[in-house]
């Protein structure tokens, strides 16, 4: 299972193993810059990529400098 998680601070896209130990593997940590920040909603699989959206980051001209948001694509 894969998902985007956000807590106050740097957000991640992670892989979660459904097992007794509940292991989490961080696939990508956003820098809160042009790559995005605060990922929101689920991820979509497209070929060998995971695609999603982030509500902040990208162009800093929006939202009091927090950014307009991004659409991102991560290679699995």
C-alpha atoms as a PDB file:
ATOM      1  CA  UNK A   1       0.000   0.000   0.000  1.00  0.00           C
ATOM      2  CA  UNK A   2       1.337   3.457  -0.830  1.00  0.00           C
ATOM      3  CA  UNK A   3       0.135   6.837   0.302  1.00  0.00           C
ATOM      4  CA  UNK A   4       0.948  10.446   0.916  1.00  0.00           C
ATOM      5  CA  UNK A   5       1.161  11.546   4.516  1.00  0.00           C
ATOM      6  CA  UNK A   6       1.470  15.024   5.889  1.00  0.00           C
ATOM      7  CA  UNK A   7       2.195  16.182   9.396  1.00  0.00           C
ATOM      8  CA  UNK A   8       3.190  19.729  10.270  1.00  0.00           C
ATOM      9  CA  UNK A   9       6.571  20.072   8.650  1.00  0.00           C
ATOM     10  CA  UNK A  10       8.060  18.159   5.727  1.00  0.00           C
ATOM     11  CA  UNK A  11       5.610  15.756   4.060  1.00  0.00           C
ATOM     12  CA  UNK A  12       6.419  12.388   2.540  1.00  0.00           C
ATOM     13  CA  UNK A  13       5.176   9.883   0.023  1.00  0.00           C
ATOM     14  CA  UNK A  14       5.564   6.489   1.686  1.00  0.00           C
ATOM     15  CA  UNK A  15       5.091   2.802   1.104  1.00  0.00           C
ATOM     16  CA  UNK A  16       3.406   0.925   3.943  1.00  0.00           C
ATOM     17  CA  UNK A  17       3.685  -2.832   4.326  1.00  0.00           C
ATOM     18  CA  UNK A  18       0.593  -4.549   5.644  1.00  0.00           C
ATOM     19  CA  UNK A  19       2.356  -6.823   8.072  1.00  0.00           C
ATOM     20  CA  UNK A  20       2.688  -7.374  11.777  1.00  0.00           C
ATOM     21  CA  UNK A  21       5.520  -4.838  12.049  1.00  0.00           C
ATOM     22  CA  UNK A  22       3.721  -2.168   9.942  1.00  0.00           C
ATOM     23  CA  UNK A  23       6.979  -1.160   8.253  1.00  0.00           C
ATOM     24  CA  UNK A  24       7.011   2.227   6.503  1.00  0.00           C
ATOM     25  CA  UNK A  25       9.447   3.090   3.723  1.00  0.00           C
ATOM     26  CA  UNK A  26       9.714   6.746   2.689  1.00  0.00           C
ATOM     27  CA  UNK A  27       9.797   6.902  -1.102  1.00  0.00           C
ATOM     28  CA  UNK A  28      10.195  10.679  -1.352  1.00  0.00           C
ATOM     29  CA  UNK A  29      10.423  13.620   1.069  1.00  0.00           C
ATOM     30  CA  UNK A  30       9.314  16.967  -0.303  1.00  0.00           C
ATOM     31  CA  UNK A  31      11.545  19.994   0.242  1.00  0.00           C
ATOM     32  CA  UNK A  32       8.621  22.453   0.448  1.00  0.00           C
ATOM     33  CA  UNK A  33      10.089  24.210  -2.607  1.00  0.00           C
ATOM     34  CA  UNK A  34       9.382  23.836  -6.298  1.00  0.00           C
ATOM     35  CA  UNK A  35       8.849  20.083  -5.879  1.00  0.00           C
ATOM     36  CA  UNK A  36       5.808  20.632  -3.660  1.00  0.00           C
ATOM     37  CA  UNK A  37       4.640  20.502  -0.056  1.00  0.00           C
ATOM     38  CA  UNK A  38       1.659  19.105   1.827  1.00  0.00           C
ATOM     39  CA  UNK A  39       0.670  16.206  -0.477  1.00  0.00           C
ATOM     40  CA  UNK A  40      -3.076  15.685  -0.468  1.00  0.00           C
ATOM     41  CA  UNK A  41      -5.402  12.885  -1.552  1.00  0.00           C
ATOM     42  CA  UNK A  42      -4.444   9.516  -2.929  1.00  0.00           C
ATOM     43  CA  UNK A  43      -1.835   8.474  -5.427  1.00  0.00           C
ATOM     44  CA  UNK A  44      -2.590   7.234  -8.928  1.00  0.00           C
ATOM     45  CA  UNK A  45      -0.514   4.586 -10.684  1.00  0.00           C
ATOM     46  CA  UNK A  46       0.433   5.323 -14.286  1.00  0.00           C
ATOM     47  CA  UNK A  47       2.755   2.708 -15.762  1.00  0.00           C
ATOM     48  CA  UNK A  48       5.854   2.703 -13.577  1.00  0.00           C
ATOM     49  CA  UNK A  49       4.969   6.023 -11.946  1.00  0.00           C
ATOM     50  CA  UNK A  50       3.005   7.156  -8.906  1.00  0.00           C
ATOM     51  CA  UNK A  51       1.255  10.480  -9.507  1.00  0.00           C
ATOM     52  CA  UNK A  52      -0.332  12.870  -7.041  1.00  0.00           C
ATOM     53  CA  UNK A  53      -0.921  16.449  -6.011  1.00  0.00           C
ATOM     54  CA  UNK A  54       0.467  18.747  -3.336  1.00  0.00           C
ATOM     55  CA  UNK A  55      -1.467  21.740  -2.022  1.00  0.00           C
ATOM     56  CA  UNK A  56       1.612  23.932  -1.511  1.00  0.00           C
ATOM     57  CA  UNK A  57       5.025  24.466  -3.085  1.00  0.00           C
ATOM     58  CA  UNK A  58       5.723  25.113  -6.738  1.00  0.00           C
ATOM     59  CA  UNK A  59       5.287  28.752  -7.788  1.00  0.00           C
ATOM     60  CA  UNK A  60       5.666  30.865  -4.634  1.00  0.00           C
ATOM     61  CA  UNK A  61       3.441  33.652  -6.030  1.00  0.00           C
ATOM     62  CA  UNK A  62       0.329  32.152  -4.382  1.00  0.00           C
ATOM     63  CA  UNK A  63      -0.998  31.670  -0.879  1.00  0.00           C
ATOM     64  CA  UNK A  64       1.201  34.178   0.940  1.00  0.00           C
ATOM     65  CA  UNK A  65       4.379  32.662  -0.495  1.00  0.00           C
ATOM     66  CA  UNK A  66       3.481  29.028   0.347  1.00  0.00           C
ATOM     67  CA  UNK A  67       3.032  28.205  -3.327  1.00  0.00           C
ATOM     68  CA  UNK A  68       0.265  27.348  -5.752  1.00  0.00           C
ATOM     69  CA  UNK A  69       0.655  23.583  -5.379  1.00  0.00           C
ATOM     70  CA  UNK A  70       2.083  20.968  -7.703  1.00  0.00           C
ATOM     71  CA  UNK A  71       1.248  17.818  -9.593  1.00  0.00           C
ATOM     72  CA  UNK A  72       4.043  15.307  -9.062  1.00  0.00           C
ATOM     73  CA  UNK A  73       5.199  12.044 -10.612  1.00  0.00           C
ATOM     74  CA  UNK A  74       7.533   9.614  -8.846  1.00  0.00           C
ATOM     75  CA  UNK A  75       9.165   6.660 -10.541  1.00  0.00           C
ATOM     76  CA  UNK A  76       8.604   3.438  -8.621  1.00  0.00           C
END
